[in-house]
Amino acid sequence: RRDGVFHPTASADEVADGIICAIDGLMT
């Protein structure tokens, strides 16, 4: 975000948790 590469659609914590949910499902 600082570098202007990412434009998160929510807070960093919420975006991270969304990514974790996707990872979790694929790990299963």
mmCIF file of all heavy atoms, coordinates in Angstrom:
data_MODEL
# 
_entry.id   MODEL 
# 
loop_
_atom_site.group_PDB 
_atom_site.id 
_atom_site.type_symbol 
_atom_site.label_atom_id 
_atom_site.label_alt_id 
_atom_site.label_comp_id 
_atom_site.label_asym_id 
_atom_site.label_entity_id 
_atom_site.label_seq_id 
_atom_site.pdbx_PDB_ins_code 
_atom_site.Cartn_x 
_atom_site.Cartn_y 
_atom_site.Cartn_z 
_atom_site.occupancy 
_atom_site.B_iso_or_equiv 
_atom_site.pdbx_formal_charge 
_atom_site.auth_seq_id 
_atom_site.auth_comp_id 
_atom_site.auth_asym_id 
_atom_site.auth_atom_id 
_atom_site.pdbx_PDB_model_num 
ATOM 1   N N   . ARG A 1 1  ? 0.834   -1.204  0.000  1.00 0.00 ? 1  ARG A N   1 
ATOM 2   C CA  . ARG A 1 1  ? 0.000   0.000   0.000  1.00 0.00 ? 1  ARG A CA  1 
ATOM 3   C C   . ARG A 1 1  ? 0.870   1.255   0.000  1.00 0.00 ? 1  ARG A C   1 
ATOM 4   O O   . ARG A 1 1  ? 0.584   2.221   -0.722 1.00 0.00 ? 1  ARG A O   1 
ATOM 5   C CB  . ARG A 1 1  ? -0.930  -0.012  1.214  1.00 0.00 ? 1  ARG A CB  1 
ATOM 6   C CG  . ARG A 1 1  ? -1.887  1.168   1.279  1.00 0.00 ? 1  ARG A CG  1 
ATOM 7   C CD  . ARG A 1 1  ? -2.977  0.945   2.300  1.00 0.00 ? 1  ARG A CD  1 
ATOM 8   N NE  . ARG A 1 1  ? -2.456  0.471   3.568  1.00 0.00 ? 1  ARG A NE  1 
ATOM 9   C CZ  . ARG A 1 1  ? -3.230  0.046   4.565  1.00 0.00 ? 1  ARG A CZ  1 
ATOM 10  N NH1 . ARG A 1 1  ? -4.538  0.009   4.413  1.00 0.00 ? 1  ARG A NH1 1 
ATOM 11  N NH2 . ARG A 1 1  ? -2.686  -0.342  5.701  1.00 0.00 ? 1  ARG A NH2 1 
ATOM 12  N N   . ARG A 1 2  ? 1.941   1.237   0.781  1.00 0.00 ? 2  ARG A N   1 
ATOM 13  C CA  . ARG A 1 2  ? 2.851   2.392   0.804  1.00 0.00 ? 2  ARG A CA  1 
ATOM 14  C C   . ARG A 1 2  ? 3.497   2.625   -0.563 1.00 0.00 ? 2  ARG A C   1 
ATOM 15  O O   . ARG A 1 2  ? 3.709   3.769   -0.982 1.00 0.00 ? 2  ARG A O   1 
ATOM 16  C CB  . ARG A 1 2  ? 3.949   2.186   1.865  1.00 0.00 ? 2  ARG A CB  1 
ATOM 17  C CG  . ARG A 1 2  ? 3.472   2.326   3.300  1.00 0.00 ? 2  ARG A CG  1 
ATOM 18  C CD  . ARG A 1 2  ? 4.657   2.433   4.252  1.00 0.00 ? 2  ARG A CD  1 
ATOM 19  N NE  . ARG A 1 2  ? 5.533   1.260   4.177  1.00 0.00 ? 2  ARG A NE  1 
ATOM 20  C CZ  . ARG A 1 2  ? 5.390   0.186   4.940  1.00 0.00 ? 2  ARG A CZ  1 
ATOM 21  N NH1 . ARG A 1 2  ? 4.394   0.103   5.807  1.00 0.00 ? 2  ARG A NH1 1 
ATOM 22  N NH2 . ARG A 1 2  ? 6.240   -0.827  4.833  1.00 0.00 ? 2  ARG A NH2 1 
ATOM 23  N N   . ASP A 1 3  ? 3.786   1.525   -1.256 1.00 0.00 ? 3  ASP A N   1 
ATOM 24  C CA  . ASP A 1 3  ? 4.435   1.632   -2.566 1.00 0.00 ? 3  ASP A CA  1 
ATOM 25  C C   . ASP A 1 3  ? 3.454   1.901   -3.697 1.00 0.00 ? 3  ASP A C   1 
ATOM 26  O O   . ASP A 1 3  ? 3.858   2.059   -4.855 1.00 0.00 ? 3  ASP A O   1 
ATOM 27  C CB  . ASP A 1 3  ? 5.200   0.341   -2.877 1.00 0.00 ? 3  ASP A CB  1 
ATOM 28  C CG  . ASP A 1 3  ? 6.438   0.164   -1.995 1.00 0.00 ? 3  ASP A CG  1 
ATOM 29  O OD1 . ASP A 1 3  ? 6.745   1.090   -1.215 1.00 0.00 ? 3  ASP A OD1 1 
ATOM 30  O OD2 . ASP A 1 3  ? 7.082   -0.912  -2.082 1.00 0.00 ? 3  ASP A OD2 1 
ATOM 31  N N   . GLY A 1 4  ? 2.165   1.910   -3.370 1.00 0.00 ? 4  GLY A N   1 
ATOM 32  C CA  . GLY A 1 4  ? 1.164   2.137   -4.400 1.00 0.00 ? 4  GLY A CA  1 
ATOM 33  C C   . GLY A 1 4  ? 0.881   0.931   -5.267 1.00 0.00 ? 4  GLY A C   1 
ATOM 34  O O   . GLY A 1 4  ? 0.247   1.040   -6.322 1.00 0.00 ? 4  GLY A O   1 
ATOM 35  N N   . VAL A 1 5  ? 1.342   -0.241  -4.823 1.00 0.00 ? 5  VAL A N   1 
ATOM 36  C CA  . VAL A 1 5  ? 1.144   -1.476  -5.576 1.00 0.00 ? 5  VAL A CA  1 
ATOM 37  C C   . VAL A 1 5  ? -0.202  -2.105  -5.242 1.00 0.00 ? 5  VAL A C   1 
ATOM 38  O O   . VAL A 1 5  ? -0.887  -2.645  -6.123 1.00 0.00 ? 5  VAL A O   1 
ATOM 39  C CB  . VAL A 1 5  ? 2.287   -2.474  -5.276 1.00 0.00 ? 5  VAL A CB  1 
ATOM 40  C CG1 . VAL A 1 5  ? 2.048   -3.801  -5.988 1.00 0.00 ? 5  VAL A CG1 1 
ATOM 41  C CG2 . VAL A 1 5  ? 3.619   -1.884  -5.683 1.00 0.00 ? 5  VAL A CG2 1 
ATOM 42  N N   . PHE A 1 6  ? -0.600  -2.052  -3.972 1.00 0.00 ? 6  PHE A N   1 
ATOM 43  C CA  . PHE A 1 6  ? -1.857  -2.614  -3.512 1.00 0.00 ? 6  PHE A CA  1 
ATOM 44  C C   . PHE A 1 6  ? -2.845  -1.496  -3.186 1.00 0.00 ? 6  PHE A C   1 
ATOM 45  O O   . PHE A 1 6  ? -2.458  -0.431  -2.689 1.00 0.00 ? 6  PHE A O   1 
ATOM 46  C CB  . PHE A 1 6  ? -1.650  -3.475  -2.265 1.00 0.00 ? 6  PHE A CB  1 
ATOM 47  C CG  . PHE A 1 6  ? -0.733  -4.653  -2.454 1.00 0.00 ? 6  PHE A CG  1 
ATOM 48  C CD1 . PHE A 1 6  ? -0.010  -5.165  -1.379 1.00 0.00 ? 6  PHE A CD1 1 
ATOM 49  C CD2 . PHE A 1 6  ? -0.589  -5.266  -3.691 1.00 0.00 ? 6  PHE A CD2 1 
ATOM 50  C CE1 . PHE A 1 6  ? 0.835   -6.251  -1.536 1.00 0.00 ? 6  PHE A CE1 1 
ATOM 51  C CE2 . PHE A 1 6  ? 0.253   -6.351  -3.864 1.00 0.00 ? 6  PHE A CE2 1 
ATOM 52  C CZ  . PHE A 1 6  ? 0.969   -6.847  -2.783 1.00 0.00 ? 6  PHE A CZ  1 
ATOM 53  N N   . HIS A 1 7  ? -4.121  -1.797  -3.430 1.00 0.00 ? 7  HIS A N   1 
ATOM 54  C CA  . HIS A 1 7  ? -5.206  -0.872  -3.106 1.00 0.00 ? 7  HIS A CA  1 
ATOM 55  C C   . HIS A 1 7  ? -6.286  -1.669  -2.383 1.00 0.00 ? 7  HIS A C   1 
ATOM 56  O O   . HIS A 1 7  ? -7.330  -1.998  -2.962 1.00 0.00 ? 7  HIS A O   1 
ATOM 57  C CB  . HIS A 1 7  ? -5.746  -0.225  -4.384 1.00 0.00 ? 7  HIS A CB  1 
ATOM 58  C CG  . HIS A 1 7  ? -4.674  0.360   -5.254 1.00 0.00 ? 7  HIS A CG  1 
ATOM 59  N ND1 . HIS A 1 7  ? -4.082  1.592   -4.996 1.00 0.00 ? 7  HIS A ND1 1 
ATOM 60  C CD2 . HIS A 1 7  ? -4.037  -0.146  -6.353 1.00 0.00 ? 7  HIS A CD2 1 
ATOM 61  C CE1 . HIS A 1 7  ? -3.151  1.833   -5.907 1.00 0.00 ? 7  HIS A CE1 1 
ATOM 62  N NE2 . HIS A 1 7  ? -3.105  0.799   -6.738 1.00 0.00 ? 7  HIS A NE2 1 
ATOM 63  N N   . PRO A 1 8  ? -6.029  -2.003  -1.115 1.00 0.00 ? 8  PRO A N   1 
ATOM 64  C CA  . PRO A 1 8  ? -6.897  -2.927  -0.373 1.00 0.00 ? 8  PRO A CA  1 
ATOM 65  C C   . PRO A 1 8  ? -8.350  -2.467  -0.329 1.00 0.00 ? 8  PRO A C   1 
ATOM 66  O O   . PRO A 1 8  ? -8.636  -1.270  -0.235 1.00 0.00 ? 8  PRO A O   1 
ATOM 67  C CB  . PRO A 1 8  ? -6.279  -2.937  1.032  1.00 0.00 ? 8  PRO A CB  1 
ATOM 68  C CG  . PRO A 1 8  ? -4.864  -2.499  0.837  1.00 0.00 ? 8  PRO A CG  1 
ATOM 69  C CD  . PRO A 1 8  ? -4.905  -1.524  -0.298 1.00 0.00 ? 8  PRO A CD  1 
ATOM 70  N N   . THR A 1 9  ? -9.252  -3.436  -0.403 1.00 0.00 ? 9  THR A N   1 
ATOM 71  C CA  . THR A 1 9  ? -10.674 -3.145  -0.385 1.00 0.00 ? 9  THR A CA  1 
ATOM 72  C C   . THR A 1 9  ? -11.228 -3.053  1.040  1.00 0.00 ? 9  THR A C   1 
ATOM 73  O O   . THR A 1 9  ? -12.413 -2.769  1.227  1.00 0.00 ? 9  THR A O   1 
ATOM 74  C CB  . THR A 1 9  ? -11.435 -4.244  -1.142 1.00 0.00 ? 9  THR A CB  1 
ATOM 75  O OG1 . THR A 1 9  ? -11.125 -5.521  -0.565 1.00 0.00 ? 9  THR A OG1 1 
ATOM 76  C CG2 . THR A 1 9  ? -11.022 -4.260  -2.613 1.00 0.00 ? 9  THR A CG2 1 
ATOM 77  N N   . ALA A 1 10 ? -10.393 -3.320  2.030  1.00 0.00 ? 10 ALA A N   1 
ATOM 78  C CA  . ALA A 1 10 ? -10.782 -3.225  3.444  1.00 0.00 ? 10 ALA A CA  1 
ATOM 79  C C   . ALA A 1 10 ? -9.510  -2.975  4.248  1.00 0.00 ? 10 ALA A C   1 
ATOM 80  O O   . ALA A 1 10 ? -8.435  -2.747  3.674  1.00 0.00 ? 10 ALA A O   1 
ATOM 81  C CB  . ALA A 1 10 ? -11.486 -4.502  3.895  1.00 0.00 ? 10 ALA A CB  1 
ATOM 82  N N   . SER A 1 11 ? -9.613  -3.011  5.570  1.00 0.00 ? 11 SER A N   1 
ATOM 83  C CA  . SER A 1 11 ? -8.423  -2.823  6.397  1.00 0.00 ? 11 SER A CA  1 
ATOM 84  C C   . SER A 1 11 ? -7.434  -3.943  6.136  1.00 0.00 ? 11 SER A C   1 
ATOM 85  O O   . SER A 1 11 ? -7.799  -5.028  5.659  1.00 0.00 ? 11 SER A O   1 
ATOM 86  C CB  . SER A 1 11 ? -8.798  -2.808  7.877  1.00 0.00 ? 11 SER A CB  1 
ATOM 87  O OG  . SER A 1 11 ? -9.206  -4.103  8.298  1.00 0.00 ? 11 SER A OG  1 
ATOM 88  N N   . ALA A 1 12 ? -6.167  -3.688  6.449  1.00 0.00 ? 12 ALA A N   1 
ATOM 89  C CA  . ALA A 1 12 ? -5.135  -4.704  6.224  1.00 0.00 ? 12 ALA A CA  1 
ATOM 90  C C   . ALA A 1 12 ? -5.449  -5.988  6.987  1.00 0.00 ? 12 ALA A C   1 
ATOM 91  O O   . ALA A 1 12 ? -5.251  -7.097  6.458  1.00 0.00 ? 12 ALA A O   1 
ATOM 92  C CB  . ALA A 1 12 ? -3.768  -4.160  6.632  1.00 0.00 ? 12 ALA A CB  1 
ATOM 93  N N   . ASP A 1 13 ? -5.939  -5.865  8.220  1.00 0.00 ? 13 ASP A N   1 
ATOM 94  C CA  . ASP A 1 13 ? -6.289  -7.056  9.007  1.00 0.00 ? 13 ASP A CA  1 
ATOM 95  C C   . ASP A 1 13 ? -7.396  -7.866  8.334  1.00 0.00 ? 13 ASP A C   1 
ATOM 96  O O   . ASP A 1 13 ? -7.324  -9.101  8.270  1.00 0.00 ? 13 ASP A O   1 
ATOM 97  C CB  . ASP A 1 13 ? -6.735  -6.650  10.407 1.00 0.00 ? 13 ASP A CB  1 
ATOM 98  C CG  . ASP A 1 13 ? -5.579  -6.372  11.345 1.00 0.00 ? 13 ASP A CG  1 
ATOM 99  O OD1 . ASP A 1 13 ? -4.432  -6.704  10.981 1.00 0.00 ? 13 ASP A OD1 1 
ATOM 100 O OD2 . ASP A 1 13 ? -5.812  -5.831  12.439 1.00 0.00 ? 13 ASP A OD2 1 
ATOM 101 N N   . GLU A 1 14 ? -8.429  -7.171  7.844  1.00 0.00 ? 14 GLU A N   1 
ATOM 102 C CA  . GLU A 1 14 ? -9.547  -7.881  7.229  1.00 0.00 ? 14 GLU A CA  1 
ATOM 103 C C   . GLU A 1 14 ? -9.145  -8.515  5.901  1.00 0.00 ? 14 GLU A C   1 
ATOM 104 O O   . GLU A 1 14 ? -9.588  -9.625  5.571  1.00 0.00 ? 14 GLU A O   1 
ATOM 105 C CB  . GLU A 1 14 ? -10.728 -6.932  7.045  1.00 0.00 ? 14 GLU A CB  1 
ATOM 106 C CG  . GLU A 1 14 ? -11.386 -6.530  8.362  1.00 0.00 ? 14 GLU A CG  1 
ATOM 107 C CD  . GLU A 1 14 ? -12.562 -5.592  8.164  1.00 0.00 ? 14 GLU A CD  1 
ATOM 108 O OE1 . GLU A 1 14 ? -12.718 -5.059  7.038  1.00 0.00 ? 14 GLU A OE1 1 
ATOM 109 O OE2 . GLU A 1 14 ? -13.300 -5.391  9.137  1.00 0.00 ? 14 GLU A OE2 1 
ATOM 110 N N   . VAL A 1 15 ? -8.325  -7.816  5.126  1.00 0.00 ? 15 VAL A N   1 
ATOM 111 C CA  . VAL A 1 15 ? -7.843  -8.394  3.877  1.00 0.00 ? 15 VAL A CA  1 
ATOM 112 C C   . VAL A 1 15 ? -6.987  -9.624  4.170  1.00 0.00 ? 15 VAL A C   1 
ATOM 113 O O   . VAL A 1 15 ? -7.122  -10.669 3.518  1.00 0.00 ? 15 VAL A O   1 
ATOM 114 C CB  . VAL A 1 15 ? -7.043  -7.360  3.061  1.00 0.00 ? 15 VAL A CB  1 
ATOM 115 C CG1 . VAL A 1 15 ? -6.315  -8.032  1.896  1.00 0.00 ? 15 VAL A CG1 1 
ATOM 116 C CG2 . VAL A 1 15 ? -7.973  -6.271  2.529  1.00 0.00 ? 15 VAL A CG2 1 
ATOM 117 N N   . ALA A 1 16 ? -6.106  -9.518  5.167  1.00 0.00 ? 16 ALA A N   1 
ATOM 118 C CA  . ALA A 1 16 ? -5.268  -10.659 5.542  1.00 0.00 ? 16 ALA A CA  1 
ATOM 119 C C   . ALA A 1 16 ? -6.123  -11.846 5.970  1.00 0.00 ? 16 ALA A C   1 
ATOM 120 O O   . ALA A 1 16 ? -5.863  -12.993 5.575  1.00 0.00 ? 16 ALA A O   1 
ATOM 121 C CB  . ALA A 1 16 ? -4.309  -10.263 6.663  1.00 0.00 ? 16 ALA A CB  1 
ATOM 122 N N   . ASP A 1 17 ? -7.165  -11.583 6.758  1.00 0.00 ? 17 ASP A N   1 
ATOM 123 C CA  . ASP A 1 17 ? -8.041  -12.672 7.194  1.00 0.00 ? 17 ASP A CA  1 
ATOM 124 C C   . ASP A 1 17 ? -8.786  -13.292 6.010  1.00 0.00 ? 17 ASP A C   1 
ATOM 125 O O   . ASP A 1 17 ? -9.022  -14.509 5.979  1.00 0.00 ? 17 ASP A O   1 
ATOM 126 C CB  . ASP A 1 17 ? -9.039  -12.168 8.234  1.00 0.00 ? 17 ASP A CB  1 
ATOM 127 C CG  . ASP A 1 17 ? -8.393  -11.958 9.595  1.00 0.00 ? 17 ASP A CG  1 
ATOM 128 O OD1 . ASP A 1 17 ? -7.292  -12.486 9.815  1.00 0.00 ? 17 ASP A OD1 1 
ATOM 129 O OD2 . ASP A 1 17 ? -8.997  -11.268 10.443 1.00 0.00 ? 17 ASP A OD2 1 
ATOM 130 N N   . GLY A 1 18 ? -9.158  -12.465 5.018  1.00 0.00 ? 18 GLY A N   1 
ATOM 131 C CA  . GLY A 1 18 ? -9.792  -13.013 3.827  1.00 0.00 ? 18 GLY A CA  1 
ATOM 132 C C   . GLY A 1 18 ? -8.853  -13.921 3.058  1.00 0.00 ? 18 GLY A C   1 
ATOM 133 O O   . GLY A 1 18 ? -9.259  -14.987 2.561  1.00 0.00 ? 18 GLY A O   1 
ATOM 134 N N   . ILE A 1 19 ? -7.591  -13.511 2.946  1.00 0.00 ? 19 ILE A N   1 
ATOM 135 C CA  . ILE A 1 19 ? -6.592  -14.355 2.274  1.00 0.00 ? 19 ILE A CA  1 
ATOM 136 C C   . ILE A 1 19 ? -6.393  -15.657 3.043  1.00 0.00 ? 19 ILE A C   1 
ATOM 137 O O   . ILE A 1 19 ? -6.299  -16.742 2.451  1.00 0.00 ? 19 ILE A O   1 
ATOM 138 C CB  . ILE A 1 19 ? -5.256  -13.600 2.141  1.00 0.00 ? 19 ILE A CB  1 
ATOM 139 C CG1 . ILE A 1 19 ? -5.434  -12.375 1.236  1.00 0.00 ? 19 ILE A CG1 1 
ATOM 140 C CG2 . ILE A 1 19 ? -4.162  -14.524 1.580  1.00 0.00 ? 19 ILE A CG2 1 
ATOM 141 C CD1 . ILE A 1 19 ? -4.236  -11.438 1.233  1.00 0.00 ? 19 ILE A CD1 1 
ATOM 142 N N   . ILE A 1 20 ? -6.343  -15.558 4.364  1.00 0.00 ? 20 ILE A N   1 
ATOM 143 C CA  . ILE A 1 20 ? -6.180  -16.754 5.202  1.00 0.00 ? 20 ILE A CA  1 
ATOM 144 C C   . ILE A 1 20 ? -7.339  -17.721 5.004  1.00 0.00 ? 20 ILE A C   1 
ATOM 145 O O   . ILE A 1 20 ? -7.146  -18.946 4.941  1.00 0.00 ? 20 ILE A O   1 
ATOM 146 C CB  . ILE A 1 20 ? -6.033  -16.362 6.681  1.00 0.00 ? 20 ILE A CB  1 
ATOM 147 C CG1 . ILE A 1 20 ? -4.692  -15.667 6.911  1.00 0.00 ? 20 ILE A CG1 1 
ATOM 148 C CG2 . ILE A 1 20 ? -6.165  -17.582 7.589  1.00 0.00 ? 20 ILE A CG2 1 
ATOM 149 C CD1 . ILE A 1 20 ? -4.569  -15.004 8.270  1.00 0.00 ? 20 ILE A CD1 1 
ATOM 150 N N   . CYS A 1 21 ? -8.556  -17.183 4.889  1.00 0.00 ? 21 CYS A N   1 
ATOM 151 C CA  . CYS A 1 21 ? -9.714  -18.053 4.651  1.00 0.00 ? 21 CYS A CA  1 
ATOM 152 C C   . CYS A 1 21 ? -9.555  -18.813 3.338  1.00 0.00 ? 21 CYS A C   1 
ATOM 153 O O   . CYS A 1 21 ? -9.863  -20.014 3.265  1.00 0.00 ? 21 CYS A O   1 
ATOM 154 C CB  . CYS A 1 21 ? -11.000 -17.222 4.625  1.00 0.00 ? 21 CYS A CB  1 
ATOM 155 S SG  . CYS A 1 21 ? -11.540 -16.632 6.241  1.00 0.00 ? 21 CYS A SG  1 
ATOM 156 N N   . ALA A 1 22 ? -9.076  -18.132 2.309  1.00 0.00 ? 22 ALA A N   1 
ATOM 157 C CA  . ALA A 1 22 ? -8.861  -18.797 1.018  1.00 0.00 ? 22 ALA A CA  1 
ATOM 158 C C   . ALA A 1 22 ? -7.766  -19.861 1.138  1.00 0.00 ? 22 ALA A C   1 
ATOM 159 O O   . ALA A 1 22 ? -7.903  -20.978 0.617  1.00 0.00 ? 22 ALA A O   1 
ATOM 160 C CB  . ALA A 1 22 ? -8.491  -17.771 -0.043 1.00 0.00 ? 22 ALA A CB  1 
ATOM 161 N N   . ILE A 1 23 ? -6.680  -19.513 1.823  1.00 0.00 ? 23 ILE A N   1 
ATOM 162 C CA  . ILE A 1 23 ? -5.595  -20.478 2.032  1.00 0.00 ? 23 ILE A CA  1 
ATOM 163 C C   . ILE A 1 23 ? -6.104  -21.687 2.809  1.00 0.00 ? 23 ILE A C   1 
ATOM 164 O O   . ILE A 1 23 ? -5.825  -22.841 2.456  1.00 0.00 ? 23 ILE A O   1 
ATOM 165 C CB  . ILE A 1 23 ? -4.417  -19.816 2.781  1.00 0.00 ? 23 ILE A CB  1 
ATOM 166 C CG1 . ILE A 1 23 ? -3.716  -18.787 1.883  1.00 0.00 ? 23 ILE A CG1 1 
ATOM 167 C CG2 . ILE A 1 23 ? -3.420  -20.864 3.261  1.00 0.00 ? 23 ILE A CG2 1 
ATOM 168 C CD1 . ILE A 1 23 ? -2.669  -17.960 2.598  1.00 0.00 ? 23 ILE A CD1 1 
ATOM 169 N N   . ASP A 1 24 ? -6.863  -21.431 3.867  1.00 0.00 ? 24 ASP A N   1 
ATOM 170 C CA  . ASP A 1 24 ? -7.401  -22.502 4.702  1.00 0.00 ? 24 ASP A CA  1 
ATOM 171 C C   . ASP A 1 24 ? -8.216  -23.497 3.882  1.00 0.00 ? 24 ASP A C   1 
ATOM 172 O O   . ASP A 1 24 ? -8.049  -24.719 4.004  1.00 0.00 ? 24 ASP A O   1 
ATOM 173 C CB  . ASP A 1 24 ? -8.289  -21.889 5.789  1.00 0.00 ? 24 ASP A CB  1 
ATOM 174 C CG  . ASP A 1 24 ? -7.872  -22.317 7.178  1.00 0.00 ? 24 ASP A CG  1 
ATOM 175 O OD1 . ASP A 1 24 ? -6.988  -23.178 7.303  1.00 0.00 ? 24 ASP A OD1 1 
ATOM 176 O OD2 . ASP A 1 24 ? -8.442  -21.793 8.146  1.00 0.00 ? 24 ASP A OD2 1 
ATOM 177 N N   . GLY A 1 25 ? -9.100  -22.968 3.057  1.00 0.00 ? 25 GLY A N   1 
ATOM 178 C CA  . GLY A 1 25 ? -9.935  -23.848 2.244  1.00 0.00 ? 25 GLY A CA  1 
ATOM 179 C C   . GLY A 1 25 ? -9.123  -24.678 1.265  1.00 0.00 ? 25 GLY A C   1 
ATOM 180 O O   . GLY A 1 25 ? -9.371  -25.879 1.093  1.00 0.00 ? 25 GLY A O   1 
ATOM 181 N N   . LEU A 1 26 ? -8.143  -24.059 0.638  1.00 0.00 ? 26 LEU A N   1 
ATOM 182 C CA  . LEU A 1 26 ? -7.317  -24.780 -0.325 1.00 0.00 ? 26 LEU A CA  1 
ATOM 183 C C   . LEU A 1 26 ? -6.404  -25.792 0.370  1.00 0.00 ? 26 LEU A C   1 
ATOM 184 O O   . LEU A 1 26 ? -6.114  -26.855 -0.185 1.00 0.00 ? 26 LEU A O   1 
ATOM 185 C CB  . LEU A 1 26 ? -6.501  -23.794 -1.159 1.00 0.00 ? 26 LEU A CB  1 
ATOM 186 C CG  . LEU A 1 26 ? -7.327  -23.012 -2.186 1.00 0.00 ? 26 LEU A CG  1 
ATOM 187 C CD1 . LEU A 1 26 ? -6.498  -21.905 -2.814 1.00 0.00 ? 26 LEU A CD1 1 
ATOM 188 C CD2 . LEU A 1 26 ? -7.878  -23.942 -3.264 1.00 0.00 ? 26 LEU A CD2 1 
ATOM 189 N N   . MET A 1 27 ? -5.953  -25.475 1.588  1.00 0.00 ? 27 MET A N   1 
ATOM 190 C CA  . MET A 1 27 ? -5.145  -26.446 2.333  1.00 0.00 ? 27 MET A CA  1 
ATOM 191 C C   . MET A 1 27 ? -5.950  -27.708 2.620  1.00 0.00 ? 27 MET A C   1 
ATOM 192 O O   . MET A 1 27 ? -5.428  -28.825 2.576  1.00 0.00 ? 27 MET A O   1 
ATOM 193 C CB  . MET A 1 27 ? -4.633  -25.826 3.632  1.00 0.00 ? 27 MET A CB  1 
ATOM 194 C CG  . MET A 1 27 ? -3.541  -24.795 3.433  1.00 0.00 ? 27 MET A CG  1 
ATOM 195 S SD  . MET A 1 27 ? -2.924  -24.089 4.997  1.00 0.00 ? 27 MET A SD  1 
ATOM 196 C CE  . MET A 1 27 ? -1.850  -25.411 5.568  1.00 0.00 ? 27 MET A CE  1 
ATOM 197 N N   . THR A 1 28 ? -7.232  -27.536 2.920  1.00 0.00 ? 28 THR A N   1 
ATOM 198 C CA  . THR A 1 28 ? -8.094  -28.698 3.132  1.00 0.00 ? 28 THR A CA  1 
ATOM 199 C C   . THR A 1 28 ? -8.202  -29.529 1.862  1.00 0.00 ? 28 THR A C   1 
ATOM 200 O O   . THR A 1 28 ? -8.083  -30.762 1.891  1.00 0.00 ? 28 THR A O   1 
ATOM 201 C CB  . THR A 1 28 ? -9.492  -28.250 3.581  1.00 0.00 ? 28 THR A CB  1 
ATOM 202 O OG1 . THR A 1 28 ? -9.395  -27.530 4.815  1.00 0.00 ? 28 THR A OG1 1 
ATOM 203 C CG2 . THR A 1 28 ? -10.420 -29.445 3.769  1.00 0.00 ? 28 THR A CG2 1 
# 
